[in-house]
Amino acid sequence: MDIEKGSFTGLIGPNGSGKSTLLKLILGLLKIQKGTISLFGEDSSEFKEREKVGFVSQKANSFNSAFPATVKEVVASGLTKKKGLFSLLNKQDQREIYEALEKVSMTAFLNRNIGELSGGQQQRVFIARSLVSKPELLILDEPTVGVDARNVQSFYELLRKLNLEEGMTLLLVTHDLLAVSQYVDHVVSLNQKVLFDGSARDYGLYLEDLEMEVTGNNYTEQEGTHCDCHSLSV
């Protein structure tokens, strides 16, 4: 399975399908037991330039909104890998923080407390936190969890803008078929193995064929074309 540079890939599958495990393997948080993962042409076990990979987690599960930090401070924490934990911000850092917030349309909230913002606004800040280190690959794990429905579409439009205008490679883990059908251009469907790996358009056709093979209105991604893949290249 390959994730091409400049692509917007949706990684989908039911709970327990292996999505979280795959993310942890890509991020270097788990040791690979079988198969290979290549990041920017280099074996992931030897990959050192981790700043090339940005990560936005599920805000609702990992962030305490009462934490007394400003938007600027949250975004600045994205520079820790490059500068160290206790380094002071210089003018270049300040400029990069502002530019990251500008990309997500959040400069007006620079000095606001993060806990005062809506779920959608907070997720934009967390994206800026990842962008400030200038990653080439941005991984997002269910980023619309905790975001109200009216802001979900604008959130996906922001991701598409980053993909098209900034040329950023995106890997989106989601259960949201709206995102898959309208915004991503590449789909990987998992359920302990790769069930589908192809274009978003072909995935729509795959679902139509799958729906014809099962009874009732509910379907599970247990059947259909799959590949027993043991390697991932990003």
C-alpha atoms as a PDB file:
ATOM      1  CA  MET A   1       0.000   0.000   0.000  1.00  0.00           C
ATOM      2  CA  ASP A   2       1.419   3.378  -1.068  1.00  0.00           C
ATOM      3  CA  ILE A   3       0.531   6.908  -0.018  1.00  0.00           C
ATOM      4  CA  GLU A   4       1.716   9.196  -2.784  1.00  0.00           C
ATOM      5  CA  LYS A   5       3.227  12.613  -2.171  1.00  0.00           C
ATOM      6  CA  GLY A   6       0.595  15.336  -2.430  1.00  0.00           C
ATOM      7  CA  SER A   7      -2.334  12.953  -2.013  1.00  0.00           C
ATOM      8  CA  PHE A   8      -5.271  13.226   0.387  1.00  0.00           C
ATOM      9  CA  THR A   9      -5.865   9.705   1.685  1.00  0.00           C
ATOM     10  CA  GLY A  10      -8.791   8.547   3.801  1.00  0.00           C
ATOM     11  CA  LEU A  11      -8.093   5.544   6.042  1.00  0.00           C
ATOM     12  CA  ILE A  12     -11.364   3.935   7.087  1.00  0.00           C
ATOM     13  CA  GLY A  13     -12.548   0.838   8.897  1.00  0.00           C
ATOM     14  CA  PRO A  14     -14.596  -0.276  11.916  1.00  0.00           C
ATOM     15  CA  ASN A  15     -13.350  -0.122  15.498  1.00  0.00           C
ATOM     16  CA  GLY A  16     -10.683  -2.754  16.043  1.00  0.00           C
ATOM     17  CA  SER A  17      -9.808  -2.893  12.349  1.00  0.00           C
ATOM     18  CA  GLY A  18      -6.170  -1.913  12.870  1.00  0.00           C
ATOM     19  CA  LYS A  19      -6.297   1.812  12.059  1.00  0.00           C
ATOM     20  CA  SER A  20      -4.855   2.975  15.390  1.00  0.00           C
ATOM     21  CA  THR A  21      -2.179   0.292  15.305  1.00  0.00           C
ATOM     22  CA  LEU A  22      -1.153   1.380  11.810  1.00  0.00           C
ATOM     23  CA  LEU A  23      -0.900   5.014  12.925  1.00  0.00           C
ATOM     24  CA  LYS A  24       1.280   4.053  15.891  1.00  0.00           C
ATOM     25  CA  LEU A  25       3.538   2.075  13.578  1.00  0.00           C
ATOM     26  CA  ILE A  26       3.880   5.026  11.186  1.00  0.00           C
ATOM     27  CA  LEU A  27       4.607   7.394  14.089  1.00  0.00           C
ATOM     28  CA  GLY A  28       7.220   5.038  15.512  1.00  0.00           C
ATOM     29  CA  LEU A  29       5.272   4.369  18.712  1.00  0.00           C
ATOM     30  CA  LEU A  30       5.118   0.608  18.112  1.00  0.00           C
ATOM     31  CA  LYS A  31       7.764  -1.790  16.859  1.00  0.00           C
ATOM     32  CA  ILE A  32       7.027  -3.523  13.575  1.00  0.00           C
ATOM     33  CA  GLN A  33       6.683  -7.278  14.026  1.00  0.00           C
ATOM     34  CA  LYS A  34       6.078  -8.205  10.389  1.00  0.00           C
ATOM     35  CA  GLY A  35       6.332  -6.350   7.101  1.00  0.00           C
ATOM     36  CA  THR A  36       7.867  -2.946   6.414  1.00  0.00           C
ATOM     37  CA  ILE A  37       7.006   0.742   6.569  1.00  0.00           C
ATOM     38  CA  SER A  38       8.960   3.207   4.463  1.00  0.00           C
ATOM     39  CA  LEU A  39       8.845   6.940   5.213  1.00  0.00           C
ATOM     40  CA  PHE A  40      10.146   9.256   2.494  1.00  0.00           C
ATOM     41  CA  GLY A  41      12.105   6.379   0.973  1.00  0.00           C
ATOM     42  CA  GLU A  42      13.704   5.286   4.239  1.00  0.00           C
ATOM     43  CA  ASP A  43      12.884   2.310   6.452  1.00  0.00           C
ATOM     44  CA  SER A  44      10.826   3.616   9.370  1.00  0.00           C
ATOM     45  CA  SER A  45      13.094   1.910  11.911  1.00  0.00           C
ATOM     46  CA  GLU A  46      15.964   4.085  10.646  1.00  0.00           C
ATOM     47  CA  PHE A  47      13.922   7.234  10.040  1.00  0.00           C
ATOM     48  CA  LYS A  48      15.166  10.173  12.136  1.00  0.00           C
ATOM     49  CA  GLU A  49      13.487  13.244  10.616  1.00  0.00           C
ATOM     50  CA  ARG A  50      10.286  12.899  12.625  1.00  0.00           C
ATOM     51  CA  GLU A  51       9.523  16.605  12.190  1.00  0.00           C
ATOM     52  CA  LYS A  52       8.521  15.721   8.620  1.00  0.00           C
ATOM     53  CA  VAL A  53       5.466  13.950  10.052  1.00  0.00           C
ATOM     54  CA  GLY A  54       2.776  16.012  11.792  1.00  0.00           C
ATOM     55  CA  PHE A  55       0.040  14.434  13.889  1.00  0.00           C
ATOM     56  CA  VAL A  56      -3.344  15.710  15.063  1.00  0.00           C
ATOM     57  CA  SER A  57      -5.073  13.396  17.540  1.00  0.00           C
ATOM     58  CA  GLN A  58      -8.684  13.185  18.676  1.00  0.00           C
ATOM     59  CA  LYS A  59      -8.994  16.415  20.643  1.00  0.00           C
ATOM     60  CA  ALA A  60     -11.981  15.239  22.649  1.00  0.00           C
ATOM     61  CA  ASN A  61     -10.067  12.258  24.017  1.00  0.00           C
ATOM     62  CA  SER A  62      -6.734  13.876  24.760  1.00  0.00           C
ATOM     63  CA  PHE A  63      -7.129  17.549  25.628  1.00  0.00           C
ATOM     64  CA  ASN A  64      -8.269  19.201  28.840  1.00  0.00           C
ATOM     65  CA  SER A  65     -10.033  22.367  27.701  1.00  0.00           C
ATOM     66  CA  ALA A  66      -9.532  23.936  31.142  1.00  0.00           C
ATOM     67  CA  PHE A  67      -5.748  23.922  30.695  1.00  0.00           C
ATOM     68  CA  PRO A  68      -4.527  27.546  31.071  1.00  0.00           C
ATOM     69  CA  ALA A  69      -2.737  28.015  27.738  1.00  0.00           C
ATOM     70  CA  THR A  70      -3.209  30.591  25.008  1.00  0.00           C
ATOM     71  CA  VAL A  71      -3.580  29.733  21.341  1.00  0.00           C
ATOM     72  CA  LYS A  72      -0.086  31.103  20.738  1.00  0.00           C
ATOM     73  CA  GLU A  73       1.383  28.888  23.462  1.00  0.00           C
ATOM     74  CA  VAL A  74      -0.330  25.784  22.108  1.00  0.00           C
ATOM     75  CA  VAL A  75       1.012  26.406  18.599  1.00  0.00           C
ATOM     76  CA  ALA A  76       4.471  27.249  19.980  1.00  0.00           C
ATOM     77  CA  SER A  77       4.604  23.831  21.628  1.00  0.00           C
ATOM     78  CA  GLY A  78       4.811  22.411  18.108  1.00  0.00           C
ATOM     79  CA  LEU A  79       8.351  23.793  17.901  1.00  0.00           C
ATOM     80  CA  THR A  80       9.567  21.671  20.829  1.00  0.00           C
ATOM     81  CA  LYS A  81      11.160  19.006  18.623  1.00  0.00           C
ATOM     82  CA  LYS A  82      13.179  21.637  16.790  1.00  0.00           C
ATOM     83  CA  LYS A  83      14.073  23.990  19.644  1.00  0.00           C
ATOM     84  CA  GLY A  84      13.901  21.935  22.823  1.00  0.00           C
ATOM     85  CA  LEU A  85      11.516  22.168  25.754  1.00  0.00           C
ATOM     86  CA  PHE A  86      12.649  25.378  27.460  1.00  0.00           C
ATOM     87  CA  SER A  87      14.006  27.468  24.573  1.00  0.00           C
ATOM     88  CA  LEU A  88      12.806  31.049  24.181  1.00  0.00           C
ATOM     89  CA  LEU A  89      10.964  32.071  21.030  1.00  0.00           C
ATOM     90  CA  ASN A  90      12.833  34.319  18.616  1.00  0.00           C
ATOM     91  CA  LYS A  91      11.421  36.564  15.881  1.00  0.00           C
ATOM     92  CA  GLN A  92      11.522  33.764  13.322  1.00  0.00           C
ATOM     93  CA  ASP A  93       9.566  31.495  15.666  1.00  0.00           C
ATOM     94  CA  GLN A  94       6.970  34.225  16.218  1.00  0.00           C
ATOM     95  CA  ARG A  95       6.627  34.647  12.458  1.00  0.00           C
ATOM     96  CA  GLU A  96       6.195  30.899  11.911  1.00  0.00           C
ATOM     97  CA  ILE A  97       3.531  30.709  14.632  1.00  0.00           C
ATOM     98  CA  TYR A  98       1.584  33.544  13.012  1.00  0.00           C
ATOM     99  CA  GLU A  99       1.908  31.981   9.544  1.00  0.00           C
ATOM    100  CA  ALA A 100       0.659  28.620  10.835  1.00  0.00           C
ATOM    101  CA  LEU A 101      -2.388  30.285  12.404  1.00  0.00           C
ATOM    102  CA  GLU A 102      -2.929  32.280   9.224  1.00  0.00           C
ATOM    103  CA  LYS A 103      -3.190  29.053   7.215  1.00  0.00           C
ATOM    104  CA  VAL A 104      -6.064  27.890   9.431  1.00  0.00           C
ATOM    105  CA  SER A 105      -7.709  31.359   9.678  1.00  0.00           C
ATOM    106  CA  MET A 106      -7.108  31.679  13.443  1.00  0.00           C
ATOM    107  CA  THR A 107      -4.778  34.687  13.791  1.00  0.00           C
ATOM    108  CA  ALA A 108      -7.533  36.718  15.484  1.00  0.00           C
ATOM    109  CA  PHE A 109      -7.439  34.248  18.396  1.00  0.00           C
ATOM    110  CA  LEU A 110      -3.680  34.427  18.974  1.00  0.00           C
ATOM    111  CA  ASN A 111      -3.903  35.515  22.620  1.00  0.00           C
ATOM    112  CA  ARG A 112      -7.168  33.807  23.537  1.00  0.00           C
ATOM    113  CA  ASN A 113      -7.244  30.940  26.020  1.00  0.00           C
ATOM    114  CA  ILE A 114      -7.599  27.657  24.143  1.00  0.00           C
ATOM    115  CA  GLY A 115     -10.394  26.560  26.487  1.00  0.00           C
ATOM    116  CA  GLU A 116     -12.574  29.487  25.359  1.00  0.00           C
ATOM    117  CA  LEU A 117     -12.768  28.228  21.777  1.00  0.00           C
ATOM    118  CA  SER A 118     -15.286  25.906  20.166  1.00  0.00           C
ATOM    119  CA  GLY A 119     -14.356  22.328  19.288  1.00  0.00           C
ATOM    120  CA  GLY A 120     -13.860  23.220  15.636  1.00  0.00           C
ATOM    121  CA  GLN A 121     -11.697  26.230  16.484  1.00  0.00           C
ATOM    122  CA  GLN A 122      -9.583  24.150  18.853  1.00  0.00           C
ATOM    123  CA  GLN A 123      -8.929  21.566  16.161  1.00  0.00           C
ATOM    124  CA  ARG A 124      -7.803  24.331  13.801  1.00  0.00           C
ATOM    125  CA  VAL A 125      -5.325  25.418  16.479  1.00  0.00           C
ATOM    126  CA  PHE A 126      -4.025  21.855  16.811  1.00  0.00           C
ATOM    127  CA  ILE A 127      -3.548  21.701  13.051  1.00  0.00           C
ATOM    128  CA  ALA A 128      -1.564  24.952  13.276  1.00  0.00           C
ATOM    129  CA  ARG A 129       0.496  23.346  16.043  1.00  0.00           C
ATOM    130  CA  SER A 130       1.458  20.604  13.595  1.00  0.00           C
ATOM    131  CA  LEU A 131       1.978  23.005  10.681  1.00  0.00           C
ATOM    132  CA  VAL A 132       4.440  25.204  12.572  1.00  0.00           C
ATOM    133  CA  SER A 133       7.131  22.530  12.249  1.00  0.00           C
ATOM    134  CA  LYS A 134       6.502  22.444   8.470  1.00  0.00           C
ATOM    135  CA  PRO A 135       5.706  18.731   8.066  1.00  0.00           C
ATOM    136  CA  GLU A 136       5.526  17.075   4.661  1.00  0.00           C
ATOM    137  CA  LEU A 137       2.970  14.521   5.858  1.00  0.00           C
ATOM    138  CA  LEU A 138       0.077  15.403   8.176  1.00  0.00           C
ATOM    139  CA  ILE A 139      -1.775  12.544   9.885  1.00  0.00           C
ATOM    140  CA  LEU A 140      -5.177  13.261  11.433  1.00  0.00           C
ATOM    141  CA  ASP A 141      -6.911  10.748  13.704  1.00  0.00           C
ATOM    142  CA  GLU A 142     -10.695  11.292  13.707  1.00  0.00           C
ATOM    143  CA  PRO A 143     -10.205  15.094  13.803  1.00  0.00           C
ATOM    144  CA  THR A 144     -13.925  15.938  13.750  1.00  0.00           C
ATOM    145  CA  VAL A 145     -14.644  14.189  17.068  1.00  0.00           C
ATOM    146  CA  GLY A 146     -16.132  16.880  19.315  1.00  0.00           C
ATOM    147  CA  VAL A 147     -16.707  19.274  16.398  1.00  0.00           C
ATOM    148  CA  ASP A 148     -20.324  20.385  15.940  1.00  0.00           C
ATOM    149  CA  ALA A 149     -21.974  19.313  12.701  1.00  0.00           C
ATOM    150  CA  ARG A 150     -22.197  22.798  11.178  1.00  0.00           C
ATOM    151  CA  ASN A 151     -18.400  23.205  11.368  1.00  0.00           C
ATOM    152  CA  VAL A 152     -17.453  19.770  10.043  1.00  0.00           C
ATOM    153  CA  GLN A 153     -17.766  20.770   6.385  1.00  0.00           C
ATOM    154  CA  SER A 154     -15.631  23.905   6.779  1.00  0.00           C
ATOM    155  CA  PHE A 155     -13.063  21.797   8.635  1.00  0.00           C
ATOM    156  CA  TYR A 156     -12.787  19.356   5.731  1.00  0.00           C
ATOM    157  CA  GLU A 157     -12.601  22.268   3.303  1.00  0.00           C
ATOM    158  CA  LEU A 158      -9.634  23.571   5.298  1.00  0.00           C
ATOM    159  CA  LEU A 159      -7.885  20.208   4.955  1.00  0.00           C
ATOM    160  CA  ARG A 160      -8.564  20.157   1.218  1.00  0.00           C
ATOM    161  CA  LYS A 161      -7.132  23.672   0.931  1.00  0.00           C
ATOM    162  CA  LEU A 162      -3.941  22.598   2.714  1.00  0.00           C
ATOM    163  CA  ASN A 163      -3.700  19.669   0.335  1.00  0.00           C
ATOM    164  CA  LEU A 164      -4.313  21.618  -2.872  1.00  0.00           C
ATOM    165  CA  GLU A 165      -2.676  24.972  -2.115  1.00  0.00           C
ATOM    166  CA  GLU A 166       0.164  23.905   0.175  1.00  0.00           C
ATOM    167  CA  GLY A 167       0.817  20.581  -1.553  1.00  0.00           C
ATOM    168  CA  MET A 168       0.692  18.813   1.799  1.00  0.00           C
ATOM    169  CA  THR A 169       0.234  15.058   1.926  1.00  0.00           C
ATOM    170  CA  LEU A 170      -2.676  14.182   4.232  1.00  0.00           C
ATOM    171  CA  LEU A 171      -3.647  10.894   5.866  1.00  0.00           C
ATOM    172  CA  LEU A 172      -7.095  11.154   7.447  1.00  0.00           C
ATOM    173  CA  VAL A 173      -8.420   8.422   9.737  1.00  0.00           C
ATOM    174  CA  THR A 174     -12.197   8.709   9.756  1.00  0.00           C
ATOM    175  CA  HIS A 175     -15.554   6.974  10.021  1.00  0.00           C
ATOM    176  CA  ASP A 176     -17.135   9.816   8.056  1.00  0.00           C
ATOM    177  CA  LEU A 177     -18.167   8.661   4.596  1.00  0.00           C
ATOM    178  CA  LEU A 178     -18.976  12.301   3.725  1.00  0.00           C
ATOM    179  CA  ALA A 179     -15.272  13.097   3.966  1.00  0.00           C
ATOM    180  CA  VAL A 180     -14.421  10.046   1.904  1.00  0.00           C
ATOM    181  CA  SER A 181     -16.953  10.805  -0.816  1.00  0.00           C
ATOM    182  CA  GLN A 182     -16.374  14.551  -1.150  1.00  0.00           C
ATOM    183  CA  TYR A 183     -12.850  15.485  -0.080  1.00  0.00           C
ATOM    184  CA  VAL A 184     -10.248  12.718  -0.238  1.00  0.00           C
ATOM    185  CA  ASP A 185      -8.820  11.431  -3.507  1.00  0.00           C
ATOM    186  CA  HIS A 186      -7.456   8.098  -2.258  1.00  0.00           C
ATOM    187  CA  VAL A 187      -9.108   5.542   0.046  1.00  0.00           C
ATOM    188  CA  VAL A 188      -7.672   2.670   2.063  1.00  0.00           C
ATOM    189  CA  SER A 189     -10.214   0.437   3.819  1.00  0.00           C
ATOM    190  CA  LEU A 190      -8.964  -1.790   6.646  1.00  0.00           C
ATOM    191  CA  ASN A 191     -10.394  -4.656   8.645  1.00  0.00           C
ATOM    192  CA  GLN A 192      -7.352  -6.605   9.871  1.00  0.00           C
ATOM    193  CA  LYS A 193      -6.216  -6.538   6.248  1.00  0.00           C
ATOM    194  CA  VAL A 194      -6.478  -4.119   3.349  1.00  0.00           C
ATOM    195  CA  LEU A 195      -9.942  -4.558   1.848  1.00  0.00           C
ATOM    196  CA  PHE A 196      -9.656  -1.710  -0.630  1.00  0.00           C
ATOM    197  CA  ASP A 197      -6.845   0.548  -1.848  1.00  0.00           C
ATOM    198  CA  GLY A 198      -7.670   2.915  -4.667  1.00  0.00           C
ATOM    199  CA  SER A 199      -9.318   6.140  -5.774  1.00  0.00           C
ATOM    200  CA  ALA A 200     -12.297   7.655  -3.968  1.00  0.00           C
ATOM    201  CA  ARG A 201     -14.369   7.232  -7.124  1.00  0.00           C
ATOM    202  CA  ASP A 202     -13.548   3.528  -7.357  1.00  0.00           C
ATOM    203  CA  TYR A 203     -14.337   3.145  -3.661  1.00  0.00           C
ATOM    204  CA  GLY A 204     -17.858   4.397  -4.336  1.00  0.00           C
ATOM    205  CA  LEU A 205     -18.255   1.738  -7.020  1.00  0.00           C
ATOM    206  CA  TYR A 206     -16.799  -0.865  -4.646  1.00  0.00           C
ATOM    207  CA  LEU A 207     -19.432  -0.014  -2.032  1.00  0.00           C
ATOM    208  CA  GLU A 208     -22.200  -0.251  -4.604  1.00  0.00           C
ATOM    209  CA  ASP A 209     -21.022  -3.723  -5.616  1.00  0.00           C
ATOM    210  CA  LEU A 210     -20.650  -4.746  -1.980  1.00  0.00           C
ATOM    211  CA  GLU A 211     -24.141  -3.552  -1.114  1.00  0.00           C
ATOM    212  CA  MET A 212     -25.555  -5.806  -3.811  1.00  0.00           C
ATOM    213  CA  GLU A 213     -23.864  -8.841  -2.211  1.00  0.00           C
ATOM    214  CA  VAL A 214     -25.375  -8.489   1.244  1.00  0.00           C
ATOM    215  CA  THR A 215     -28.919  -8.568   2.549  1.00  0.00           C
ATOM    216  CA  GLY A 216     -30.637  -5.732   4.382  1.00  0.00           C
ATOM    217  CA  ASN A 217     -29.450  -2.154   4.695  1.00  0.00           C
ATOM    218  CA  ASN A 218     -26.396  -2.846   6.833  1.00  0.00           C
ATOM    219  CA  TYR A 219     -23.170  -3.993   5.292  1.00  0.00           C
ATOM    220  CA  THR A 220     -19.797  -4.903   6.714  1.00  0.00           C
ATOM    221  CA  GLU A 221     -16.499  -4.602   4.940  1.00  0.00           C
ATOM    222  CA  GLN A 222     -15.765  -8.311   5.293  1.00  0.00           C
ATOM    223  CA  GLU A 223     -15.935  -9.333   1.661  1.00  0.00           C
ATOM    224  CA  GLY A 224     -14.931  -8.060  -1.716  1.00  0.00           C
ATOM    225  CA  THR A 225     -11.586  -7.454  -3.323  1.00  0.00           C
ATOM    226  CA  HIS A 226      -8.697  -7.236  -0.915  1.00  0.00           C
ATOM    227  CA  CYS A 227      -4.946  -7.533  -0.860  1.00  0.00           C
ATOM    228  CA  ASP A 228      -2.831  -9.198   1.788  1.00  0.00           C
ATOM    229  CA  CYS A 229      -0.364  -6.320   1.985  1.00  0.00           C
ATOM    230  CA  HIS A 230       2.650  -6.368   4.283  1.00  0.00           C
ATOM    231  CA  SER A 231       4.278  -3.064   3.377  1.00  0.00           C
ATOM    232  CA  LEU A 232       3.441   0.619   3.508  1.00  0.00           C
ATOM    233  CA  SER A 233       5.277   3.362   1.669  1.00  0.00           C
ATOM    234  CA  VAL A 234       4.720   7.051   2.360  1.00  0.00           C
END
